[in-house]
Amino acid sequence: MTTQNTNQQQNRFLRRSDAAEYVRTRFGFPCSKQWLAKLATTGGGPSYRKASRFPVYAIEDLDAWAQARLSAPMRATGLLADKGGENV
């Protein structure tokens, strides 16, 4: 992939339904357009912009938001993998 193709993909915006599909496919956790709409009003969702009246999401914003939702690696419930098995 060339630098130009990478820049074009990073500057691409997705509509809400496509953004939800992107998160489901790339990160493997549930995400729906309805949930993104709820988060847009209550907070806690990915950053978005408006194209006229339509919300659009940048891929890099979706990636950052999804990564922030993930916990640290764990070996068991309540034990962090990188803490040598310490209780959280």
C-alpha atoms as a PDB file:
ATOM      1  CA  MET A   1       0.000   0.000   0.000  1.00  0.00           C
ATOM      2  CA  THR A   2       1.471   3.342  -0.999  1.00  0.00           C
ATOM      3  CA  THR A   3       1.617   6.396   1.204  1.00  0.00           C
ATOM      4  CA  GLN A   4      -0.955   8.099  -1.033  1.00  0.00           C
ATOM      5  CA  ASN A   5      -3.416   5.188  -0.631  1.00  0.00           C
ATOM      6  CA  THR A   6      -2.855   5.198   3.138  1.00  0.00           C
ATOM      7  CA  ASN A   7      -3.524   8.952   3.317  1.00  0.00           C
ATOM      8  CA  GLN A   8      -6.662   8.591   1.198  1.00  0.00           C
ATOM      9  CA  GLN A   9      -7.997   5.862   3.490  1.00  0.00           C
ATOM     10  CA  GLN A  10      -7.243   7.923   6.606  1.00  0.00           C
ATOM     11  CA  ASN A  11      -9.045  10.948   5.156  1.00  0.00           C
ATOM     12  CA  ARG A  12     -12.097   8.885   4.223  1.00  0.00           C
ATOM     13  CA  PHE A  13     -15.319   9.466   6.120  1.00  0.00           C
ATOM     14  CA  LEU A  14     -17.957   6.823   6.786  1.00  0.00           C
ATOM     15  CA  ARG A  15     -21.672   7.291   7.332  1.00  0.00           C
ATOM     16  CA  ARG A  16     -23.016   5.949  10.625  1.00  0.00           C
ATOM     17  CA  SER A  17     -24.101   2.506   9.358  1.00  0.00           C
ATOM     18  CA  ASP A  18     -20.767   2.000   7.581  1.00  0.00           C
ATOM     19  CA  ALA A  19     -18.889   3.178  10.674  1.00  0.00           C
ATOM     20  CA  ALA A  20     -20.690   0.590  12.810  1.00  0.00           C
ATOM     21  CA  GLU A  21     -19.877  -2.132  10.279  1.00  0.00           C
ATOM     22  CA  TYR A  22     -16.240  -1.017  10.223  1.00  0.00           C
ATOM     23  CA  VAL A  23     -15.939  -1.307  14.022  1.00  0.00           C
ATOM     24  CA  ARG A  24     -17.656  -4.725  14.043  1.00  0.00           C
ATOM     25  CA  THR A  25     -15.420  -6.049  11.268  1.00  0.00           C
ATOM     26  CA  ARG A  26     -12.102  -4.558  12.343  1.00  0.00           C
ATOM     27  CA  PHE A  27     -12.363  -4.947  16.121  1.00  0.00           C
ATOM     28  CA  GLY A  28     -14.862  -7.772  16.489  1.00  0.00           C
ATOM     29  CA  PHE A  29     -17.134  -6.267  19.092  1.00  0.00           C
ATOM     30  CA  PRO A  30     -20.790  -5.267  18.787  1.00  0.00           C
ATOM     31  CA  CYS A  31     -21.530  -1.869  17.311  1.00  0.00           C
ATOM     32  CA  SER A  32     -24.704  -0.662  15.618  1.00  0.00           C
ATOM     33  CA  LYS A  33     -25.696   2.574  13.952  1.00  0.00           C
ATOM     34  CA  GLN A  34     -28.358   3.025  16.654  1.00  0.00           C
ATOM     35  CA  TRP A  35     -25.749   2.735  19.391  1.00  0.00           C
ATOM     36  CA  LEU A  36     -23.492   5.265  17.657  1.00  0.00           C
ATOM     37  CA  ALA A  37     -26.504   7.604  17.365  1.00  0.00           C
ATOM     38  CA  LYS A  38     -27.208   7.237  21.092  1.00  0.00           C
ATOM     39  CA  LEU A  39     -23.568   7.902  21.960  1.00  0.00           C
ATOM     40  CA  ALA A  40     -23.615  10.989  19.739  1.00  0.00           C
ATOM     41  CA  THR A  41     -26.312  12.462  21.993  1.00  0.00           C
ATOM     42  CA  THR A  42     -25.225  11.137  25.400  1.00  0.00           C
ATOM     43  CA  GLY A  43     -21.451  11.206  24.931  1.00  0.00           C
ATOM     44  CA  GLY A  44     -18.802   8.535  25.053  1.00  0.00           C
ATOM     45  CA  GLY A  45     -18.784   7.732  21.358  1.00  0.00           C
ATOM     46  CA  PRO A  46     -16.224   8.385  18.650  1.00  0.00           C
ATOM     47  CA  SER A  47     -15.697  11.901  17.349  1.00  0.00           C
ATOM     48  CA  TYR A  48     -17.757  12.727  14.288  1.00  0.00           C
ATOM     49  CA  ARG A  49     -18.348  15.567  11.905  1.00  0.00           C
ATOM     50  CA  LYS A  50     -21.406  16.727  10.021  1.00  0.00           C
ATOM     51  CA  ALA A  51     -21.593  16.720   6.242  1.00  0.00           C
ATOM     52  CA  SER A  52     -24.678  18.848   5.810  1.00  0.00           C
ATOM     53  CA  ARG A  53     -27.117  17.073   8.128  1.00  0.00           C
ATOM     54  CA  PHE A  54     -25.371  13.708   8.001  1.00  0.00           C
ATOM     55  CA  PRO A  55     -22.941  12.559  10.704  1.00  0.00           C
ATOM     56  CA  VAL A  56     -19.722  11.124   9.294  1.00  0.00           C
ATOM     57  CA  TYR A  57     -16.862   9.396  11.079  1.00  0.00           C
ATOM     58  CA  ALA A  58     -13.159   9.478  10.193  1.00  0.00           C
ATOM     59  CA  ILE A  59     -11.533   6.056  10.215  1.00  0.00           C
ATOM     60  CA  GLU A  60      -8.728   7.226  12.520  1.00  0.00           C
ATOM     61  CA  ASP A  61     -11.335   8.487  15.033  1.00  0.00           C
ATOM     62  CA  LEU A  62     -13.131   5.119  14.962  1.00  0.00           C
ATOM     63  CA  ASP A  63      -9.823   3.304  15.472  1.00  0.00           C
ATOM     64  CA  ALA A  64      -8.838   5.507  18.417  1.00  0.00           C
ATOM     65  CA  TRP A  65     -12.247   5.155  20.073  1.00  0.00           C
ATOM     66  CA  ALA A  66     -12.354   1.375  19.650  1.00  0.00           C
ATOM     67  CA  GLN A  67      -8.800   0.964  20.975  1.00  0.00           C
ATOM     68  CA  ALA A  68      -9.687   3.083  24.034  1.00  0.00           C
ATOM     69  CA  ARG A  69     -12.597   0.736  24.812  1.00  0.00           C
ATOM     70  CA  LEU A  70     -10.309  -2.291  25.083  1.00  0.00           C
ATOM     71  CA  SER A  71      -8.925  -3.273  28.470  1.00  0.00           C
ATOM     72  CA  ALA A  72      -5.383  -4.295  29.225  1.00  0.00           C
ATOM     73  CA  PRO A  73      -4.592  -7.972  28.540  1.00  0.00           C
ATOM     74  CA  MET A  74      -5.996 -10.289  31.243  1.00  0.00           C
ATOM     75  CA  ARG A  75      -5.279 -13.889  32.194  1.00  0.00           C
ATOM     76  CA  ALA A  76      -8.392 -14.252  34.356  1.00  0.00           C
ATOM     77  CA  THR A  77     -11.242 -12.074  35.509  1.00  0.00           C
ATOM     78  CA  GLY A  78      -9.766  -9.352  37.687  1.00  0.00           C
ATOM     79  CA  LEU A  79      -6.127 -10.243  36.940  1.00  0.00           C
ATOM     80  CA  LEU A  80      -4.062  -8.150  34.545  1.00  0.00           C
ATOM     81  CA  ALA A  81      -1.608 -10.134  32.420  1.00  0.00           C
ATOM     82  CA  ASP A  82       1.159  -7.510  32.506  1.00  0.00           C
ATOM     83  CA  LYS A  83       1.008  -7.106  36.309  1.00  0.00           C
ATOM     84  CA  GLY A  84       2.226 -10.642  37.010  1.00  0.00           C
ATOM     85  CA  GLY A  85      -1.195 -11.798  38.151  1.00  0.00           C
ATOM     86  CA  GLU A  86      -1.830  -8.960  40.600  1.00  0.00           C
ATOM     87  CA  ASN A  87      -5.431  -8.329  41.559  1.00  0.00           C
ATOM     88  CA  VAL A  88      -6.926  -5.211  40.056  1.00  0.00           C
END
